[in-house]
N, C-alpha and C. Protein backbone atom coordinates (compact mmCIF):
# COMPACT_ATOMS: atom_id res chain seq x y z
N MET A 1 80.37 113.98 96.09
CA MET A 1 79.59 113.75 97.29
C MET A 1 79.65 114.99 98.18
N ALA A 2 78.53 115.41 98.68
CA ALA A 2 78.45 116.62 99.49
C ALA A 2 79.27 116.47 100.77
N LEU A 3 79.75 117.59 101.26
CA LEU A 3 80.54 117.60 102.48
C LEU A 3 79.79 118.41 103.52
N ASP A 4 79.50 117.78 104.65
CA ASP A 4 78.89 118.51 105.75
C ASP A 4 79.45 117.99 107.05
N PHE A 5 79.51 118.87 108.03
CA PHE A 5 80.12 118.55 109.31
C PHE A 5 79.17 118.80 110.45
N ASP A 6 79.22 117.93 111.44
CA ASP A 6 78.71 118.22 112.77
C ASP A 6 79.95 118.63 113.54
N LEU A 7 80.14 119.92 113.76
CA LEU A 7 81.39 120.39 114.34
C LEU A 7 81.68 119.76 115.70
N ALA A 8 80.66 119.44 116.46
CA ALA A 8 80.87 118.83 117.77
C ALA A 8 81.46 117.43 117.65
N ARG A 9 81.41 116.86 116.44
CA ARG A 9 81.94 115.51 116.23
C ARG A 9 83.13 115.51 115.28
N THR A 10 83.72 116.70 115.08
CA THR A 10 84.78 116.87 114.09
C THR A 10 86.06 117.39 114.73
N ALA A 11 87.20 116.90 114.26
CA ALA A 11 88.50 117.41 114.70
C ALA A 11 89.39 117.65 113.49
N LEU A 12 90.08 118.78 113.50
CA LEU A 12 91.17 119.03 112.57
C LEU A 12 92.41 118.44 113.22
N VAL A 13 93.04 117.47 112.56
CA VAL A 13 94.26 116.85 113.08
C VAL A 13 95.39 117.21 112.12
N VAL A 14 96.34 117.98 112.63
CA VAL A 14 97.46 118.50 111.83
C VAL A 14 98.72 117.74 112.24
N ILE A 15 99.35 117.10 111.27
CA ILE A 15 100.50 116.25 111.55
C ILE A 15 101.82 116.99 111.29
N ASP A 16 102.64 117.11 112.32
CA ASP A 16 104.05 117.51 112.24
C ASP A 16 104.31 118.88 111.62
N VAL A 17 103.37 119.81 111.72
CA VAL A 17 103.63 121.17 111.26
C VAL A 17 104.37 121.88 112.40
N GLN A 18 105.64 121.55 112.49
CA GLN A 18 106.53 122.04 113.53
C GLN A 18 107.81 122.51 112.86
N ASP A 19 108.49 123.44 113.52
CA ASP A 19 109.63 124.09 112.89
C ASP A 19 110.69 123.12 112.40
N GLY A 20 110.98 122.08 113.15
CA GLY A 20 112.05 121.16 112.78
C GLY A 20 111.74 120.27 111.61
N ILE A 21 110.48 120.26 111.16
CA ILE A 21 110.09 119.43 110.01
C ILE A 21 109.63 120.29 108.84
N ILE A 22 108.66 121.15 109.06
CA ILE A 22 108.08 121.93 107.97
C ILE A 22 109.05 122.97 107.42
N ARG A 23 109.99 123.40 108.25
CA ARG A 23 110.97 124.41 107.81
C ARG A 23 112.36 123.80 107.66
N ASN A 24 112.41 122.49 107.44
CA ASN A 24 113.69 121.79 107.35
C ASN A 24 113.74 120.99 106.06
N GLY A 25 114.21 121.60 104.99
CA GLY A 25 114.35 120.88 103.74
C GLY A 25 113.29 121.25 102.72
N VAL A 26 113.48 120.75 101.54
CA VAL A 26 112.58 121.03 100.42
C VAL A 26 111.30 120.22 100.57
N THR A 27 110.18 120.86 100.27
CA THR A 27 108.89 120.17 100.30
C THR A 27 108.19 120.35 98.96
N THR A 28 107.34 119.40 98.64
CA THR A 28 106.61 119.44 97.37
C THR A 28 105.28 118.69 97.53
N PRO A 29 104.22 119.05 96.93
CA PRO A 29 104.07 120.12 95.95
C PRO A 29 103.90 121.50 96.58
N ASN A 30 103.68 121.57 97.88
CA ASN A 30 103.47 122.85 98.55
C ASN A 30 104.68 123.17 99.41
N ASP A 31 105.13 124.43 99.38
CA ASP A 31 106.24 124.81 100.24
C ASP A 31 105.74 124.91 101.68
N GLY A 32 106.68 124.88 102.61
CA GLY A 32 106.34 124.85 104.03
C GLY A 32 105.49 126.02 104.47
N GLU A 33 105.82 127.24 104.02
CA GLU A 33 105.06 128.42 104.44
C GLU A 33 103.63 128.38 103.93
N THR A 34 103.43 127.83 102.74
CA THR A 34 102.07 127.69 102.20
C THR A 34 101.27 126.70 103.05
N VAL A 35 101.89 125.60 103.43
CA VAL A 35 101.21 124.60 104.27
C VAL A 35 100.85 125.21 105.62
N ILE A 36 101.77 125.97 106.19
CA ILE A 36 101.47 126.63 107.47
C ILE A 36 100.28 127.59 107.29
N ALA A 37 100.31 128.39 106.23
CA ALA A 37 99.23 129.37 106.00
C ALA A 37 97.88 128.68 105.81
N ARG A 38 97.85 127.60 105.06
CA ARG A 38 96.58 126.91 104.82
C ARG A 38 96.06 126.24 106.08
N ASN A 39 96.95 125.68 106.88
CA ASN A 39 96.52 125.10 108.15
C ASN A 39 96.08 126.19 109.12
N ASN A 40 96.73 127.36 109.06
CA ASN A 40 96.26 128.49 109.87
C ASN A 40 94.84 128.88 109.49
N GLU A 41 94.52 128.86 108.18
CA GLU A 41 93.15 129.17 107.72
C GLU A 41 92.14 128.20 108.31
N LEU A 42 92.46 126.91 108.23
CA LEU A 42 91.54 125.89 108.75
C LEU A 42 91.36 126.05 110.26
N ALA A 43 92.47 126.25 110.97
CA ALA A 43 92.39 126.40 112.43
C ALA A 43 91.61 127.65 112.81
N ALA A 44 91.82 128.74 112.09
CA ALA A 44 91.08 129.98 112.39
C ALA A 44 89.58 129.79 112.19
N ALA A 45 89.21 129.02 111.17
CA ALA A 45 87.79 128.77 110.91
C ALA A 45 87.16 127.93 112.02
N LEU A 46 87.97 127.11 112.68
CA LEU A 46 87.45 126.21 113.72
C LEU A 46 87.70 126.71 115.14
N LYS A 47 88.46 127.78 115.27
CA LYS A 47 88.80 128.28 116.61
C LYS A 47 87.54 128.58 117.42
N ASN A 48 87.54 128.03 118.64
CA ASN A 48 86.46 128.25 119.61
C ASN A 48 85.08 127.88 119.09
N THR A 49 85.04 126.88 118.21
CA THR A 49 83.78 126.26 117.80
C THR A 49 83.66 124.95 118.58
N PRO A 50 82.59 124.20 118.41
CA PRO A 50 82.50 122.90 119.07
C PRO A 50 83.52 121.88 118.55
N ALA A 51 84.15 122.15 117.41
CA ALA A 51 85.16 121.24 116.86
C ALA A 51 86.43 121.28 117.70
N GLN A 52 87.28 120.28 117.49
CA GLN A 52 88.58 120.23 118.16
C GLN A 52 89.69 120.48 117.14
N ILE A 53 90.76 121.09 117.58
CA ILE A 53 91.96 121.29 116.77
C ILE A 53 93.07 120.54 117.49
N VAL A 54 93.61 119.52 116.82
CA VAL A 54 94.65 118.69 117.42
C VAL A 54 95.95 118.90 116.65
N LEU A 55 96.94 119.41 117.34
CA LEU A 55 98.26 119.63 116.75
C LEU A 55 99.16 118.49 117.20
N VAL A 56 99.58 117.70 116.24
CA VAL A 56 100.41 116.53 116.53
C VAL A 56 101.84 116.85 116.14
N ARG A 57 102.78 116.51 117.02
CA ARG A 57 104.18 116.76 116.70
C ARG A 57 105.04 115.59 117.14
N VAL A 58 106.16 115.43 116.45
CA VAL A 58 107.18 114.48 116.89
C VAL A 58 107.93 115.14 118.04
N LYS A 59 108.01 114.45 119.15
CA LYS A 59 108.74 114.99 120.30
C LYS A 59 109.37 113.83 121.05
N ASN A 60 110.46 113.33 120.51
CA ASN A 60 111.15 112.20 121.13
C ASN A 60 112.19 112.68 122.12
N ASP A 61 112.27 111.98 123.22
CA ASP A 61 113.35 112.23 124.17
C ASP A 61 114.55 111.35 123.86
N GLY A 62 114.41 110.46 122.90
CA GLY A 62 115.53 109.61 122.49
C GLY A 62 115.22 108.14 122.54
N THR A 63 114.98 107.61 123.72
CA THR A 63 114.84 106.17 123.86
C THR A 63 113.55 105.61 123.29
N GLU A 64 112.48 106.43 123.21
CA GLU A 64 111.21 105.90 122.72
C GLU A 64 111.11 105.88 121.21
N GLY A 65 112.04 106.50 120.51
CA GLY A 65 112.03 106.47 119.05
C GLY A 65 112.35 105.07 118.54
N MET A 66 111.70 104.70 117.43
CA MET A 66 111.95 103.37 116.86
C MET A 66 113.14 103.44 115.92
N ASN A 67 113.95 102.41 115.94
CA ASN A 67 115.15 102.35 115.12
C ASN A 67 115.16 101.05 114.32
N PRO A 68 114.31 100.96 113.30
CA PRO A 68 114.24 99.72 112.52
C PRO A 68 115.47 99.55 111.63
N VAL A 69 115.73 98.32 111.27
CA VAL A 69 116.77 98.03 110.30
C VAL A 69 116.13 98.18 108.93
N THR A 70 116.67 99.08 108.10
CA THR A 70 116.03 99.40 106.83
C THR A 70 117.02 99.36 105.67
N ASP A 71 116.49 99.25 104.46
CA ASP A 71 117.31 99.38 103.26
C ASP A 71 117.60 100.85 102.95
N ALA A 72 116.64 101.72 103.25
CA ALA A 72 116.83 103.14 102.99
C ALA A 72 117.68 103.77 104.08
N PRO A 73 118.38 104.85 103.76
CA PRO A 73 119.15 105.54 104.81
C PRO A 73 118.22 105.92 105.96
N HIS A 74 118.69 105.76 107.16
CA HIS A 74 117.85 105.96 108.34
C HIS A 74 118.68 106.64 109.42
N GLN A 75 118.13 107.70 110.01
CA GLN A 75 118.80 108.35 111.13
C GLN A 75 118.32 107.73 112.42
N VAL A 76 119.25 107.44 113.30
CA VAL A 76 118.91 106.87 114.60
C VAL A 76 118.12 107.91 115.39
N ALA A 77 117.04 107.47 116.05
CA ALA A 77 116.23 108.38 116.86
C ALA A 77 117.08 108.98 117.96
N LYS A 78 116.95 110.27 118.12
CA LYS A 78 117.70 110.98 119.16
C LYS A 78 116.83 112.10 119.70
N PRO A 79 117.18 112.65 120.85
CA PRO A 79 116.37 113.74 121.40
C PRO A 79 116.31 114.92 120.42
N LEU A 80 115.13 115.53 120.33
CA LEU A 80 114.96 116.69 119.47
C LEU A 80 115.07 117.96 120.30
N PRO A 81 115.78 118.97 119.80
CA PRO A 81 115.85 120.24 120.53
C PRO A 81 114.50 120.92 120.55
N ASP A 82 114.27 121.76 121.54
CA ASP A 82 112.99 122.45 121.68
C ASP A 82 112.63 123.23 120.42
N ALA A 83 113.62 123.86 119.78
CA ALA A 83 113.35 124.64 118.57
C ALA A 83 112.76 123.76 117.47
N ALA A 84 113.18 122.51 117.39
CA ALA A 84 112.68 121.60 116.35
C ALA A 84 111.25 121.15 116.62
N THR A 85 110.87 121.08 117.88
CA THR A 85 109.53 120.60 118.22
C THR A 85 108.51 121.74 118.37
N ARG A 86 108.95 122.98 118.22
CA ARG A 86 108.05 124.13 118.34
C ARG A 86 107.01 124.07 117.21
N LEU A 87 105.74 124.16 117.58
CA LEU A 87 104.66 124.12 116.60
C LEU A 87 104.66 125.40 115.78
N ALA A 88 104.48 125.27 114.47
CA ALA A 88 104.63 126.40 113.55
C ALA A 88 103.34 127.17 113.29
N MET A 89 102.22 126.66 113.75
CA MET A 89 100.94 127.32 113.47
C MET A 89 100.61 128.40 114.50
N ASP A 90 99.91 129.43 114.05
CA ASP A 90 99.55 130.56 114.92
C ASP A 90 98.74 130.11 116.13
N ILE A 91 97.82 129.18 115.92
CA ILE A 91 96.91 128.76 116.99
C ILE A 91 97.64 128.10 118.16
N ALA A 92 98.84 127.59 117.91
CA ALA A 92 99.61 126.94 118.97
C ALA A 92 99.98 127.91 120.08
N ALA A 93 100.13 129.19 119.73
CA ALA A 93 100.50 130.20 120.72
C ALA A 93 99.34 131.12 121.09
N ASP A 94 98.15 130.81 120.60
CA ASP A 94 96.97 131.65 120.82
C ASP A 94 96.29 131.25 122.13
N GLU A 95 96.51 132.05 123.16
CA GLU A 95 95.95 131.73 124.47
C GLU A 95 94.45 131.91 124.54
N THR A 96 93.85 132.54 123.53
CA THR A 96 92.40 132.72 123.53
C THR A 96 91.69 131.52 122.89
N ALA A 97 92.43 130.61 122.29
CA ALA A 97 91.83 129.42 121.67
C ALA A 97 91.55 128.39 122.75
N THR A 98 90.29 127.97 122.85
CA THR A 98 89.88 127.06 123.93
C THR A 98 89.71 125.62 123.48
N ASN A 99 89.89 125.35 122.19
CA ASN A 99 89.63 123.99 121.69
C ASN A 99 90.83 123.38 120.99
N VAL A 100 92.02 123.63 121.55
CA VAL A 100 93.26 123.11 120.97
C VAL A 100 93.87 122.07 121.91
N THR A 101 94.27 120.95 121.32
CA THR A 101 94.97 119.89 122.05
C THR A 101 96.27 119.60 121.33
N VAL A 102 97.33 119.37 122.09
CA VAL A 102 98.62 118.99 121.51
C VAL A 102 98.90 117.54 121.87
N VAL A 103 99.28 116.77 120.86
CA VAL A 103 99.62 115.36 121.06
C VAL A 103 101.06 115.16 120.61
N ASN A 104 101.87 114.59 121.49
CA ASN A 104 103.25 114.25 121.14
C ASN A 104 103.30 112.81 120.67
N LYS A 105 103.91 112.62 119.50
CA LYS A 105 104.03 111.26 118.96
C LYS A 105 105.49 110.88 118.85
N HIS A 106 105.72 109.58 118.71
CA HIS A 106 107.08 109.06 118.69
C HIS A 106 107.36 108.20 117.47
N ASN A 107 106.35 108.01 116.65
CA ASN A 107 106.44 107.15 115.47
C ASN A 107 105.84 107.89 114.28
N TRP A 108 105.75 107.23 113.14
CA TRP A 108 105.16 107.86 111.97
C TRP A 108 103.72 108.26 112.20
N GLY A 109 102.92 107.36 112.75
CA GLY A 109 101.50 107.63 112.95
C GLY A 109 101.21 108.32 114.26
N ALA A 110 100.07 109.01 114.32
CA ALA A 110 99.71 109.78 115.50
C ALA A 110 98.91 108.97 116.53
N PHE A 111 98.52 107.74 116.20
CA PHE A 111 97.72 106.95 117.13
C PHE A 111 98.57 106.00 117.98
N TYR A 112 99.49 105.29 117.36
CA TYR A 112 100.25 104.28 118.09
C TYR A 112 101.13 104.93 119.15
N GLY A 113 100.94 104.51 120.39
CA GLY A 113 101.77 105.00 121.50
C GLY A 113 101.42 106.39 121.99
N THR A 114 100.24 106.90 121.61
CA THR A 114 99.79 108.22 122.08
C THR A 114 98.39 108.09 122.67
N ASP A 115 97.90 109.21 123.18
CA ASP A 115 96.53 109.23 123.70
C ASP A 115 95.55 109.89 122.73
N LEU A 116 95.91 109.97 121.44
CA LEU A 116 95.05 110.65 120.47
C LEU A 116 93.66 110.03 120.42
N ASP A 117 93.57 108.73 120.33
CA ASP A 117 92.25 108.08 120.25
C ASP A 117 91.40 108.40 121.48
N VAL A 118 92.01 108.37 122.65
CA VAL A 118 91.28 108.68 123.88
C VAL A 118 90.82 110.14 123.87
N GLN A 119 91.71 111.04 123.46
CA GLN A 119 91.35 112.47 123.41
C GLN A 119 90.15 112.70 122.49
N LEU A 120 90.14 112.03 121.34
CA LEU A 120 89.05 112.21 120.38
C LEU A 120 87.76 111.56 120.87
N ARG A 121 87.85 110.33 121.34
CA ARG A 121 86.64 109.61 121.76
C ARG A 121 85.98 110.27 122.96
N ARG A 122 86.76 110.79 123.90
CA ARG A 122 86.18 111.48 125.07
C ARG A 122 85.38 112.70 124.66
N ARG A 123 85.71 113.26 123.52
CA ARG A 123 85.02 114.45 123.03
C ARG A 123 83.93 114.10 122.01
N GLY A 124 83.71 112.81 121.77
CA GLY A 124 82.66 112.39 120.85
C GLY A 124 83.00 112.58 119.38
N ILE A 125 84.28 112.68 119.06
CA ILE A 125 84.72 112.91 117.68
C ILE A 125 84.59 111.64 116.86
N ASP A 126 84.00 111.76 115.66
CA ASP A 126 83.97 110.62 114.75
C ASP A 126 84.49 110.97 113.35
N THR A 127 84.79 112.27 113.13
CA THR A 127 85.27 112.73 111.83
C THR A 127 86.56 113.51 112.00
N ILE A 128 87.55 113.18 111.18
CA ILE A 128 88.86 113.84 111.24
C ILE A 128 89.13 114.53 109.92
N LEU A 129 89.45 115.83 109.99
CA LEU A 129 90.02 116.56 108.86
C LEU A 129 91.53 116.41 109.00
N LEU A 130 92.18 115.82 108.01
CA LEU A 130 93.59 115.47 108.17
C LEU A 130 94.47 116.26 107.22
N THR A 131 95.55 116.85 107.78
CA THR A 131 96.50 117.65 107.03
C THR A 131 97.90 117.42 107.58
N GLY A 132 98.91 118.05 106.96
CA GLY A 132 100.24 118.04 107.55
C GLY A 132 101.35 117.58 106.63
N ILE A 133 102.42 117.13 107.25
CA ILE A 133 103.63 116.69 106.57
C ILE A 133 104.18 115.46 107.29
N ALA A 134 104.74 114.55 106.62
CA ALA A 134 104.81 114.35 105.19
C ALA A 134 103.60 113.52 104.76
N THR A 135 103.06 113.89 103.63
CA THR A 135 101.83 113.25 103.14
C THR A 135 101.95 111.74 103.15
N SER A 136 103.08 111.21 102.64
CA SER A 136 103.23 109.77 102.48
C SER A 136 103.75 109.06 103.73
N ILE A 137 104.06 109.81 104.77
CA ILE A 137 104.60 109.18 105.98
C ILE A 137 103.67 109.45 107.16
N GLY A 138 103.81 110.58 107.82
CA GLY A 138 103.00 110.87 109.00
C GLY A 138 101.52 110.96 108.73
N VAL A 139 101.15 111.64 107.62
CA VAL A 139 99.72 111.80 107.31
C VAL A 139 99.13 110.47 106.87
N ASP A 140 99.81 109.78 105.97
CA ASP A 140 99.32 108.50 105.46
C ASP A 140 99.20 107.47 106.58
N THR A 141 100.23 107.36 107.40
CA THR A 141 100.18 106.37 108.50
C THR A 141 99.06 106.70 109.47
N THR A 142 98.91 107.97 109.81
CA THR A 142 97.82 108.37 110.71
C THR A 142 96.47 108.08 110.08
N ALA A 143 96.34 108.30 108.77
CA ALA A 143 95.08 108.02 108.07
C ALA A 143 94.72 106.55 108.17
N ARG A 144 95.69 105.70 107.93
CA ARG A 144 95.42 104.26 108.00
C ARG A 144 95.03 103.85 109.42
N GLU A 145 95.74 104.39 110.41
CA GLU A 145 95.40 104.08 111.81
C GLU A 145 94.00 104.59 112.14
N ALA A 146 93.67 105.81 111.70
CA ALA A 146 92.35 106.38 111.98
C ALA A 146 91.25 105.53 111.36
N ALA A 147 91.47 105.08 110.12
CA ALA A 147 90.48 104.24 109.45
C ALA A 147 90.28 102.94 110.22
N GLN A 148 91.36 102.37 110.71
CA GLN A 148 91.25 101.12 111.48
C GLN A 148 90.56 101.34 112.82
N HIS A 149 90.59 102.58 113.32
CA HIS A 149 89.87 102.93 114.55
C HIS A 149 88.41 103.33 114.28
N GLY A 150 88.00 103.36 113.01
CA GLY A 150 86.61 103.64 112.67
C GLY A 150 86.25 105.09 112.46
N TYR A 151 87.25 105.98 112.30
CA TYR A 151 86.95 107.39 112.07
C TYR A 151 86.62 107.65 110.61
N ASN A 152 85.74 108.63 110.37
CA ASN A 152 85.50 109.16 109.03
C ASN A 152 86.61 110.15 108.75
N LEU A 153 87.12 110.14 107.53
CA LEU A 153 88.26 110.99 107.19
C LEU A 153 87.95 111.92 106.04
N VAL A 154 88.43 113.16 106.17
CA VAL A 154 88.40 114.14 105.09
C VAL A 154 89.83 114.66 104.94
N PHE A 155 90.37 114.51 103.75
CA PHE A 155 91.75 114.89 103.47
C PHE A 155 91.78 116.23 102.73
N VAL A 156 92.74 117.08 103.10
CA VAL A 156 92.89 118.39 102.47
C VAL A 156 94.31 118.47 101.90
N PRO A 157 94.55 117.93 100.70
CA PRO A 157 95.91 117.88 100.15
C PRO A 157 96.59 119.23 100.00
N GLU A 158 95.82 120.31 99.80
CA GLU A 158 96.42 121.64 99.69
C GLU A 158 97.07 122.08 101.01
N ALA A 159 96.72 121.43 102.11
CA ALA A 159 97.30 121.73 103.42
C ALA A 159 98.26 120.63 103.86
N MET A 160 98.79 119.91 102.85
CA MET A 160 99.78 118.84 103.08
C MET A 160 100.98 119.08 102.18
N THR A 161 102.07 118.43 102.50
CA THR A 161 103.23 118.41 101.61
C THR A 161 104.10 117.22 101.95
N ASP A 162 105.10 117.00 101.11
CA ASP A 162 105.95 115.81 101.24
C ASP A 162 107.37 116.18 100.82
N ARG A 163 108.25 115.22 100.87
CA ARG A 163 109.62 115.42 100.38
C ARG A 163 109.74 115.07 98.90
N THR A 164 108.75 114.29 98.37
CA THR A 164 108.77 113.92 96.95
C THR A 164 107.36 114.01 96.38
N ASP A 165 107.28 114.37 95.09
CA ASP A 165 105.98 114.36 94.40
C ASP A 165 105.42 112.94 94.36
N GLN A 166 106.29 111.97 94.14
CA GLN A 166 105.86 110.58 94.04
C GLN A 166 105.16 110.13 95.32
N GLY A 167 105.76 110.44 96.46
CA GLY A 167 105.14 110.06 97.73
C GLY A 167 103.81 110.75 97.96
N HIS A 168 103.79 112.06 97.74
CA HIS A 168 102.56 112.83 97.94
C HIS A 168 101.44 112.31 97.04
N ASN A 169 101.75 112.17 95.74
CA ASN A 169 100.73 111.77 94.78
C ASN A 169 100.22 110.36 95.01
N ALA A 170 101.09 109.45 95.43
CA ALA A 170 100.65 108.07 95.69
C ALA A 170 99.61 108.04 96.81
N SER A 171 99.85 108.80 97.87
CA SER A 171 98.89 108.83 98.97
C SER A 171 97.59 109.52 98.56
N VAL A 172 97.71 110.71 97.94
CA VAL A 172 96.52 111.50 97.60
C VAL A 172 95.68 110.82 96.53
N ASP A 173 96.33 110.24 95.53
CA ASP A 173 95.59 109.68 94.39
C ASP A 173 95.14 108.23 94.59
N VAL A 174 95.91 107.46 95.37
CA VAL A 174 95.63 106.02 95.49
C VAL A 174 95.06 105.63 96.85
N ILE A 175 95.70 106.08 97.91
CA ILE A 175 95.32 105.62 99.26
C ILE A 175 94.15 106.41 99.85
N PHE A 176 94.25 107.73 99.86
CA PHE A 176 93.25 108.54 100.56
C PHE A 176 91.83 108.36 100.04
N PRO A 177 91.60 108.25 98.71
CA PRO A 177 90.22 108.05 98.26
C PRO A 177 89.61 106.73 98.74
N ARG A 178 90.45 105.78 99.13
CA ARG A 178 89.95 104.51 99.64
C ARG A 178 89.67 104.55 101.13
N LEU A 179 90.15 105.61 101.80
CA LEU A 179 89.97 105.74 103.25
C LEU A 179 88.96 106.81 103.63
N GLY A 180 88.68 107.73 102.72
CA GLY A 180 87.78 108.83 103.06
C GLY A 180 87.51 109.72 101.88
N LYS A 181 87.26 111.00 102.15
CA LYS A 181 86.95 111.99 101.12
C LYS A 181 88.14 112.92 100.95
N VAL A 182 88.51 113.20 99.70
CA VAL A 182 89.58 114.14 99.38
C VAL A 182 88.92 115.42 98.88
N ARG A 183 89.18 116.55 99.55
CA ARG A 183 88.51 117.80 99.21
C ARG A 183 89.50 118.97 99.17
N THR A 184 89.10 120.03 98.45
CA THR A 184 89.90 121.24 98.40
C THR A 184 89.72 122.01 99.69
N ILE A 185 90.65 122.91 99.94
CA ILE A 185 90.52 123.74 101.15
C ILE A 185 89.29 124.63 101.04
N ALA A 186 88.97 125.10 99.83
CA ALA A 186 87.77 125.94 99.65
C ALA A 186 86.51 125.17 100.00
N GLU A 187 86.43 123.91 99.59
CA GLU A 187 85.26 123.08 99.90
C GLU A 187 85.13 122.87 101.41
N VAL A 188 86.26 122.62 102.07
CA VAL A 188 86.23 122.36 103.51
C VAL A 188 85.86 123.62 104.27
N LEU A 189 86.46 124.75 103.90
CA LEU A 189 86.13 126.01 104.59
C LEU A 189 84.66 126.37 104.40
N ALA A 190 84.12 126.15 103.21
CA ALA A 190 82.70 126.43 102.96
C ALA A 190 81.82 125.54 103.81
N ALA A 191 82.17 124.26 103.91
CA ALA A 191 81.37 123.33 104.72
C ALA A 191 81.45 123.69 106.20
N ILE A 192 82.60 124.15 106.66
CA ILE A 192 82.72 124.59 108.05
C ILE A 192 81.80 125.77 108.31
N GLU A 193 81.78 126.74 107.41
CA GLU A 193 80.93 127.92 107.59
C GLU A 193 79.46 127.55 107.64
N VAL A 194 79.04 126.63 106.77
CA VAL A 194 77.65 126.18 106.75
C VAL A 194 77.31 125.49 108.06
N SER A 195 78.29 124.81 108.67
CA SER A 195 78.05 124.03 109.88
C SER A 195 77.97 124.88 111.14
N LYS A 196 78.42 126.11 111.08
CA LYS A 196 78.46 126.96 112.28
C LYS A 196 77.05 127.43 112.69
């Protein structure tokens, strides 16, 4: 299916590409620096266009983090140091970029308990290009929330990564095709250029 964008109705939403996550531990199938580089490519293509670039990060002060009782090992939510919440993408520090929004989240998904939906709707956004880490946690949860909010989704797995191949592949192969379109970074960059 062809990919085309109305940039004024499109947002790149990047999940948790921040130093404390993307540079903390082993990632697969893409290493952290590759994910940063690919997201930098997408952001550069959209910089100062009618599209929006939304950088989502975990930034808990402690008490707002959820602490469920789980079977899997679980770390209790605690305040994150500034170094851990620092955004890893170039555009985060680019003062010449006029279309960047930062959203702080406190849970797996970027919608629950944040103003992401309001930020997007006020700008007339109906299509989300979704990337980030971890594919099976933050990206997957955000995708499901976005679908329930009625957004069109385009997934760029080359700009995502996870802690396990199993988690990444389950989301990319099973869940994402049911929620939207899964495309290569080359296809997305080409469609962005055509849309300018």
